[in-house]
Amino acid sequence: MQARLAFQPSGALAEIEHEVARERTMVRLRAARKRGWMGGRPPSLAEDDMPRVQPLANNPDVSKGQICEQLDTQKPTLDLYVRPKGKRRT
């Protein structure tokens, strides 16, 4: 019983510390976005690649593997951007 009472204040302090760190992080992220920073990983396929991808995806003689070789990407990445019939995913 006494051990639980001894750990409760330290647990409360840890929660407060966590909240403060989270708030600081959110403030910094908002400031960075105002400066124009766009976080995250850049897209694997650029918008410029899409006009090349769609006709290839519609062509039954061209495999997904061949398309991926031309674009230097992998099949799961291609599936994220293009539907089976060659239409662009949004």
C-alpha atoms as a PDB file:
ATOM      1  CA  MET A   1       0.000   0.000   0.000  1.00  0.00           C
ATOM      2  CA  GLN A   2       2.769   2.450   0.929  1.00  0.00           C
ATOM      3  CA  ALA A   3       4.706   1.614  -2.227  1.00  0.00           C
ATOM      4  CA  ARG A   4       1.698   2.528  -4.369  1.00  0.00           C
ATOM      5  CA  LEU A   5       1.372   5.861  -2.551  1.00  0.00           C
ATOM      6  CA  ALA A   6       5.068   6.506  -3.098  1.00  0.00           C
ATOM      7  CA  PHE A   7       4.840   5.912  -6.874  1.00  0.00           C
ATOM      8  CA  GLN A   8       1.684   7.934  -7.544  1.00  0.00           C
ATOM      9  CA  PRO A   9       3.363  11.370  -7.331  1.00  0.00           C
ATOM     10  CA  SER A  10       6.167  10.288  -9.655  1.00  0.00           C
ATOM     11  CA  GLY A  11       3.608   8.906 -12.091  1.00  0.00           C
ATOM     12  CA  ALA A  12       1.706  12.188 -12.031  1.00  0.00           C
ATOM     13  CA  LEU A  13       4.930  14.113 -12.686  1.00  0.00           C
ATOM     14  CA  ALA A  14       5.741  11.823 -15.592  1.00  0.00           C
ATOM     15  CA  GLU A  15       2.320  12.510 -17.124  1.00  0.00           C
ATOM     16  CA  ILE A  16       2.788  16.261 -16.769  1.00  0.00           C
ATOM     17  CA  GLU A  17       6.255  16.031 -18.297  1.00  0.00           C
ATOM     18  CA  HIS A  18       4.829  14.049 -21.215  1.00  0.00           C
ATOM     19  CA  GLU A  19       2.118  16.666 -21.826  1.00  0.00           C
ATOM     20  CA  VAL A  20       4.645  19.517 -21.739  1.00  0.00           C
ATOM     21  CA  ALA A  21       6.911  17.732 -24.229  1.00  0.00           C
ATOM     22  CA  ARG A  22       3.939  17.064 -26.513  1.00  0.00           C
ATOM     23  CA  GLU A  23       2.832  20.702 -26.385  1.00  0.00           C
ATOM     24  CA  ARG A  24       6.349  21.902 -27.236  1.00  0.00           C
ATOM     25  CA  THR A  25       6.528  19.513 -30.162  1.00  0.00           C
ATOM     26  CA  MET A  26       3.159  20.641 -31.516  1.00  0.00           C
ATOM     27  CA  VAL A  27       4.168  24.326 -31.228  1.00  0.00           C
ATOM     28  CA  ARG A  28       7.383  23.637 -33.150  1.00  0.00           C
ATOM     29  CA  LEU A  29       5.557  21.681 -35.855  1.00  0.00           C
ATOM     30  CA  ARG A  30       3.024  24.489 -36.322  1.00  0.00           C
ATOM     31  CA  ALA A  31       5.836  27.041 -36.580  1.00  0.00           C
ATOM     32  CA  ALA A  32       7.669  24.912 -39.140  1.00  0.00           C
ATOM     33  CA  ARG A  33       4.505  24.541 -41.237  1.00  0.00           C
ATOM     34  CA  LYS A  34       4.054  28.310 -41.231  1.00  0.00           C
ATOM     35  CA  ARG A  35       7.593  28.568 -42.620  1.00  0.00           C
ATOM     36  CA  GLY A  36       6.609  26.184 -45.433  1.00  0.00           C
ATOM     37  CA  TRP A  37       7.962  22.887 -44.139  1.00  0.00           C
ATOM     38  CA  MET A  38       5.943  19.904 -45.350  1.00  0.00           C
ATOM     39  CA  GLY A  39       6.891  16.925 -43.203  1.00  0.00           C
ATOM     40  CA  GLY A  40       6.862  13.317 -44.214  1.00  0.00           C
ATOM     41  CA  ARG A  41       8.462  11.274 -46.888  1.00  0.00           C
ATOM     42  CA  PRO A  42       8.326  12.575 -50.459  1.00  0.00           C
ATOM     43  CA  PRO A  43       6.041  10.636 -52.808  1.00  0.00           C
ATOM     44  CA  SER A  44       7.691   7.807 -54.716  1.00  0.00           C
ATOM     45  CA  LEU A  45       5.906   8.635 -57.950  1.00  0.00           C
ATOM     46  CA  ALA A  46       5.805  12.270 -58.970  1.00  0.00           C
ATOM     47  CA  GLU A  47       2.858  13.919 -60.697  1.00  0.00           C
ATOM     48  CA  ASP A  48       5.045  14.076 -63.816  1.00  0.00           C
ATOM     49  CA  ASP A  49       5.191  10.264 -63.898  1.00  0.00           C
ATOM     50  CA  MET A  50       1.422   9.743 -63.923  1.00  0.00           C
ATOM     51  CA  PRO A  51       0.837  10.542 -67.632  1.00  0.00           C
ATOM     52  CA  ARG A  52       3.445   7.866 -68.461  1.00  0.00           C
ATOM     53  CA  VAL A  53       2.046   5.303 -66.024  1.00  0.00           C
ATOM     54  CA  GLN A  54      -1.606   5.308 -67.048  1.00  0.00           C
ATOM     55  CA  PRO A  55      -1.171   4.273 -70.712  1.00  0.00           C
ATOM     56  CA  LEU A  56       1.307   1.575 -69.664  1.00  0.00           C
ATOM     57  CA  ALA A  57      -1.106   0.252 -67.041  1.00  0.00           C
ATOM     58  CA  ASN A  58      -3.896   0.103 -69.632  1.00  0.00           C
ATOM     59  CA  ASN A  59      -1.735  -1.858 -72.069  1.00  0.00           C
ATOM     60  CA  PRO A  60      -2.243  -5.613 -71.506  1.00  0.00           C
ATOM     61  CA  ASP A  61       1.144  -6.374 -73.115  1.00  0.00           C
ATOM     62  CA  VAL A  62       3.036  -4.456 -70.415  1.00  0.00           C
ATOM     63  CA  SER A  63       3.405  -6.117 -67.013  1.00  0.00           C
ATOM     64  CA  LYS A  64       3.522  -4.372 -63.664  1.00  0.00           C
ATOM     65  CA  GLY A  65       7.128  -5.456 -63.347  1.00  0.00           C
ATOM     66  CA  GLN A  66       8.036  -3.715 -66.601  1.00  0.00           C
ATOM     67  CA  ILE A  67       6.296  -0.522 -65.500  1.00  0.00           C
ATOM     68  CA  CYS A  68       8.119  -0.633 -62.177  1.00  0.00           C
ATOM     69  CA  GLU A  69      11.470  -1.095 -63.920  1.00  0.00           C
ATOM     70  CA  GLN A  70      10.850   1.970 -66.077  1.00  0.00           C
ATOM     71  CA  LEU A  71       9.852   4.089 -63.081  1.00  0.00           C
ATOM     72  CA  ASP A  72      12.436   2.635 -60.692  1.00  0.00           C
ATOM     73  CA  THR A  73       9.817   1.707 -58.122  1.00  0.00           C
ATOM     74  CA  GLN A  74       8.202  -1.430 -56.684  1.00  0.00           C
ATOM     75  CA  LYS A  75       4.850  -3.120 -57.311  1.00  0.00           C
ATOM     76  CA  PRO A  76       3.235  -2.203 -53.954  1.00  0.00           C
ATOM     77  CA  THR A  77       4.147   1.442 -54.589  1.00  0.00           C
ATOM     78  CA  LEU A  78       2.609   1.287 -58.049  1.00  0.00           C
ATOM     79  CA  ASP A  79      -0.556  -0.215 -56.556  1.00  0.00           C
ATOM     80  CA  LEU A  80      -0.818   2.752 -54.182  1.00  0.00           C
ATOM     81  CA  TYR A  81      -0.956   5.198 -57.086  1.00  0.00           C
ATOM     82  CA  VAL A  82      -2.704   3.293 -59.896  1.00  0.00           C
ATOM     83  CA  ARG A  83      -5.786   1.070 -59.906  1.00  0.00           C
ATOM     84  CA  PRO A  84      -5.778  -2.206 -61.866  1.00  0.00           C
ATOM     85  CA  LYS A  85      -7.470  -0.624 -64.926  1.00  0.00           C
ATOM     86  CA  GLY A  86      -4.885   2.148 -65.046  1.00  0.00           C
ATOM     87  CA  LYS A  87      -6.994   4.802 -63.353  1.00  0.00           C
ATOM     88  CA  ARG A  88      -5.265   7.059 -60.861  1.00  0.00           C
ATOM     89  CA  ARG A  89      -6.038   6.525 -57.177  1.00  0.00           C
ATOM     90  CA  THR A  90      -6.932   9.681 -55.310  1.00  0.00           C
END
